[in-house]
Amino acid sequence: MKKNILPDEFVVLAKKVPQLIIDLKYCGDDNLIGRPLEGYASNGSAVLTIEAAESLQKMLAYLKQPAVKSTLKMTDPTLVIWDAYRPQMGCEDFWQWSQSSCEKTKKDYYPNIDKKDFFKLGYIARKSSHSRGSTIDLNIVDTVDGRALEMGTRFDFMDPLSHPDNRDVAPLIYQNRQFLKKFMNDFNWLGIDQEWWHFTFTLEPFPETYFNFPVVNYEE
């Protein structure tokens, strides 16, 4: 069997930063569209540019500091990654899905918004920063008990309640979102106004390049 070859500028997160928890949502059915996204294999690997992955290594070292663990009330905090590099074909699949009549995930993911409006509202982009290889969707989670930092909504909940600066959430939720945003900013990751989980590495090496290689198993 021919081995899948990853572009030289990218690394497999499970190899480069093994302390991460990888849970790529678009490789399966537990996601916004209710099926695998185009370009994602069921055993696909989370990959990022080398520069972005090296930043994650520094971030994990910070999370392990006693004072940070005390603030988070976690014994062994790490990052859970829900999406990393996304091929351009996946972005196009999102667009086609948004224009279709399929609504099977509406109740759980976008009860108050028409999915055709996702793009103009800024929740999804037809040319996504994910495809440049230095954007991640994530949260902080305790490896000991699996408890994630409480953020008030699920990942990919397309709604104003997911906006990181929305004050219409419990004070603890707002505080957690602000902690995550500052933590990411301190390591040169910038979020967006619509999603508390989405961050792009500001020192990304390919700010104008949108890749289209598939998310398959690059770990064998």
Protein backbone atom coordinates (compact mmCIF):
# COMPACT_ATOMS: atom_id res chain seq x y z
CA MET A 1 0.00 0.00 0.00
CA LYS A 2 1.34 3.43 -0.93
CA LYS A 3 2.11 5.63 2.06
CA ASN A 4 0.37 8.99 2.29
CA ILE A 5 2.93 11.77 1.98
CA LEU A 6 2.40 15.02 3.88
CA PRO A 7 3.73 18.26 2.34
CA ASP A 8 7.11 19.23 3.80
CA GLU A 9 5.80 22.38 5.46
CA PHE A 10 3.30 20.44 7.61
CA VAL A 11 3.54 18.08 10.59
CA VAL A 12 1.22 15.54 12.17
CA LEU A 13 0.10 16.92 15.53
CA ALA A 14 -0.14 13.50 17.16
CA LYS A 15 3.57 13.04 16.45
CA LYS A 16 4.84 16.58 16.97
CA VAL A 17 2.75 17.34 20.07
CA PRO A 18 1.64 13.97 21.47
CA GLN A 19 0.20 15.51 24.64
CA LEU A 20 -2.70 16.95 22.65
CA ILE A 21 -6.10 15.26 22.50
CA ILE A 22 -7.13 14.88 18.87
CA ASP A 23 -10.85 14.63 18.09
CA LEU A 24 -11.32 15.67 14.46
CA LYS A 25 -15.05 16.18 14.20
CA TYR A 26 -15.24 16.33 10.40
CA CYS A 27 -13.83 12.82 10.03
CA GLY A 28 -17.14 11.41 11.30
CA ASP A 29 -20.82 12.24 11.73
CA ASP A 30 -20.75 14.16 15.04
CA ASN A 31 -20.57 17.61 13.50
CA LEU A 32 -22.45 20.51 11.95
CA ILE A 33 -23.29 18.75 8.69
CA GLY A 34 -23.98 15.34 10.23
CA ARG A 35 -21.51 13.44 8.01
CA PRO A 36 -17.81 13.42 7.09
CA LEU A 37 -16.70 16.57 5.30
CA GLU A 38 -15.32 16.21 1.79
CA GLY A 39 -11.58 15.51 1.94
CA TYR A 40 -11.62 13.95 5.43
CA ALA A 41 -10.93 10.24 5.84
CA SER A 42 -12.40 8.41 8.84
CA ASN A 43 -8.86 7.93 10.19
CA GLY A 44 -7.59 11.34 9.11
CA SER A 45 -4.67 12.97 10.94
CA ALA A 46 -4.72 16.45 12.43
CA VAL A 47 -1.98 18.42 10.68
CA LEU A 48 -0.70 21.98 10.91
CA THR A 49 2.22 24.00 9.61
CA ILE A 50 5.46 23.44 11.51
CA GLU A 51 5.40 26.96 12.96
CA ALA A 52 1.88 26.60 14.31
CA ALA A 53 2.61 23.19 15.84
CA GLU A 54 5.72 24.51 17.57
CA SER A 55 3.62 27.25 19.10
CA LEU A 56 1.24 24.61 20.49
CA GLN A 57 4.20 22.93 22.19
CA LYS A 58 4.99 26.17 24.04
CA MET A 59 1.33 26.62 24.96
CA LEU A 60 1.14 23.18 26.53
CA ALA A 61 4.22 23.90 28.64
CA TYR A 62 2.48 27.01 29.94
CA LEU A 63 -0.70 25.08 30.79
CA LYS A 64 1.34 22.67 32.94
CA GLN A 65 2.48 25.43 35.31
CA PRO A 66 1.05 25.04 38.85
CA ALA A 67 -0.46 28.53 38.93
CA VAL A 68 -2.27 27.96 35.63
CA LYS A 69 -3.58 24.56 36.72
CA SER A 70 -4.86 26.19 39.91
CA THR A 71 -6.63 28.93 37.94
CA LEU A 72 -8.25 26.37 35.66
CA LYS A 73 -9.00 24.02 38.55
CA MET A 74 -7.53 21.20 36.48
CA THR A 75 -5.02 18.52 37.45
CA ASP A 76 -3.46 18.00 34.01
CA PRO A 77 -4.76 20.48 31.42
CA THR A 78 -4.13 20.04 27.72
CA LEU A 79 -5.75 21.10 24.47
CA VAL A 80 -8.40 19.17 22.58
CA ILE A 81 -8.27 19.78 18.82
CA TRP A 82 -11.55 19.53 16.87
CA ASP A 83 -10.23 20.76 13.54
CA ALA A 84 -6.85 21.87 12.22
CA TYR A 85 -5.83 22.04 8.54
CA ARG A 86 -8.91 21.80 6.29
CA PRO A 87 -8.62 21.19 2.53
CA GLN A 88 -10.24 23.66 0.17
CA MET A 89 -12.53 20.87 -1.04
CA GLY A 90 -13.97 20.73 2.47
CA CYS A 91 -14.76 24.45 2.39
CA GLU A 92 -16.54 23.98 -0.94
CA ASP A 93 -18.48 21.08 0.57
CA PHE A 94 -19.65 23.41 3.36
CA TRP A 95 -20.85 25.88 0.75
CA GLN A 96 -22.78 23.27 -1.22
CA TRP A 97 -24.33 21.91 1.97
CA SER A 98 -25.40 25.39 3.07
CA GLN A 99 -27.33 25.79 -0.18
CA SER A 100 -29.06 22.39 0.14
CA SER A 101 -32.36 21.49 1.80
CA CYS A 102 -30.74 19.18 4.38
CA GLU A 103 -31.65 20.35 7.89
CA LYS A 104 -31.04 17.26 10.04
CA THR A 105 -28.59 19.05 12.36
CA LYS A 106 -30.46 22.35 12.65
CA LYS A 107 -31.91 21.69 16.11
CA ASP A 108 -28.51 20.91 17.63
CA TYR A 109 -26.25 23.32 15.75
CA TYR A 110 -28.13 26.29 14.29
CA PRO A 111 -31.70 26.52 15.70
CA ASN A 112 -31.94 30.29 15.23
CA ILE A 113 -30.05 30.92 11.98
CA ASP A 114 -30.67 29.99 8.35
CA LYS A 115 -27.62 28.00 7.25
CA LYS A 116 -27.56 29.91 3.95
CA ASP A 117 -26.53 32.92 6.05
CA PHE A 118 -23.52 31.26 7.70
CA PHE A 119 -21.08 32.78 5.22
CA LYS A 120 -22.29 36.36 5.28
CA LEU A 121 -22.47 36.22 9.08
CA GLY A 122 -18.85 35.07 9.29
CA TYR A 123 -19.29 31.62 10.81
CA ILE A 124 -17.85 29.80 7.80
CA ALA A 125 -15.78 31.04 4.86
CA ARG A 126 -15.63 29.65 1.36
CA LYS A 127 -11.89 30.32 1.52
CA SER A 128 -11.16 29.45 5.13
CA SER A 129 -8.07 30.26 7.16
CA HIS A 130 -8.11 26.54 8.07
CA SER A 131 -6.95 25.81 4.52
CA ARG A 132 -3.83 27.90 5.05
CA GLY A 133 -2.70 25.33 7.61
CA SER A 134 -2.31 27.47 10.73
CA THR A 135 -5.83 27.63 12.16
CA ILE A 136 -7.32 25.40 14.86
CA ASP A 137 -10.63 24.83 16.62
CA LEU A 138 -10.01 23.86 20.23
CA ASN A 139 -10.68 24.01 23.94
CA ILE A 140 -8.81 23.26 27.16
CA VAL A 141 -9.54 19.91 28.80
CA ASP A 142 -8.30 18.02 31.87
CA THR A 143 -6.76 14.69 30.88
CA VAL A 144 -7.49 13.23 34.32
CA ASP A 145 -11.29 13.42 34.29
CA GLY A 146 -12.01 14.56 30.72
CA ARG A 147 -13.64 17.77 31.92
CA ALA A 148 -13.46 20.58 29.40
CA LEU A 149 -13.40 24.27 30.23
CA GLU A 150 -17.10 25.17 30.28
CA MET A 151 -17.90 27.47 27.35
CA GLY A 152 -21.69 27.49 27.30
CA THR A 153 -22.20 26.09 23.81
CA ARG A 154 -21.00 23.09 21.88
CA PHE A 155 -18.33 23.34 19.22
CA ASP A 156 -19.78 24.63 15.92
CA PHE A 157 -22.96 25.98 17.52
CA MET A 158 -23.79 28.65 14.97
CA ASP A 159 -25.47 31.28 17.08
CA PRO A 160 -24.73 34.63 18.77
CA LEU A 161 -24.41 32.65 22.02
CA SER A 162 -21.11 31.32 20.65
CA HIS A 163 -19.63 34.79 20.21
CA PRO A 164 -16.67 34.98 22.63
CA ASP A 165 -17.56 38.48 23.85
CA ASN A 166 -21.28 37.85 24.22
CA ARG A 167 -22.39 38.98 27.70
CA ASP A 168 -25.66 37.05 27.51
CA VAL A 169 -24.00 34.04 29.12
CA ALA A 170 -23.28 33.13 32.72
CA PRO A 171 -20.38 35.09 34.29
CA LEU A 172 -18.24 31.94 34.59
CA ILE A 173 -18.77 31.15 30.88
CA TYR A 174 -17.73 34.67 29.90
CA GLN A 175 -14.69 34.44 32.18
CA ASN A 176 -13.63 31.11 30.65
CA ARG A 177 -13.95 32.46 27.12
CA GLN A 178 -11.87 35.49 28.02
CA PHE A 179 -9.22 33.27 29.60
CA LEU A 180 -9.00 31.17 26.44
CA LYS A 181 -8.84 34.24 24.22
CA LYS A 182 -6.07 35.88 26.26
CA PHE A 183 -4.16 32.63 26.52
CA MET A 184 -4.27 32.19 22.75
CA ASN A 185 -3.44 35.85 22.09
CA ASP A 186 -0.39 35.63 24.35
CA PHE A 187 0.99 32.95 22.04
CA ASN A 188 0.16 34.84 18.83
CA TRP A 189 -3.17 33.20 18.03
CA LEU A 190 -6.05 35.47 17.04
CA GLY A 191 -9.72 34.54 17.31
CA ILE A 192 -12.81 35.76 15.49
CA ASP A 193 -15.94 37.54 16.72
CA GLN A 194 -18.31 34.65 15.94
CA GLU A 195 -16.73 31.53 17.48
CA TRP A 196 -15.03 31.11 20.86
CA TRP A 197 -13.14 27.99 19.63
CA HIS A 198 -11.54 29.32 16.41
CA PHE A 199 -7.98 30.75 16.33
CA THR A 200 -5.39 31.53 13.64
CA PHE A 201 -1.64 31.75 14.23
CA THR A 202 -0.74 35.36 13.42
CA LEU A 203 2.77 34.33 12.32
CA GLU A 204 1.36 31.84 9.81
CA PRO A 205 3.84 31.00 7.03
CA PHE A 206 1.25 30.83 4.22
CA PRO A 207 -1.11 33.80 4.68
CA GLU A 208 -2.13 33.81 1.00
CA THR A 209 -2.05 30.07 0.19
CA TYR A 210 -5.08 27.78 0.37
CA PHE A 211 -4.07 24.12 0.27
CA ASN A 212 -6.21 21.25 -1.01
CA PHE A 213 -4.46 18.02 -0.01
CA PRO A 214 -6.78 15.61 1.87
CA VAL A 215 -6.99 14.92 5.60
CA VAL A 216 -6.00 11.24 5.58
CA ASN A 217 -3.86 9.07 7.84
CA TYR A 218 -0.33 10.49 7.74
CA GLU A 219 0.78 8.63 10.87
CA GLU A 220 1.60 5.21 9.37
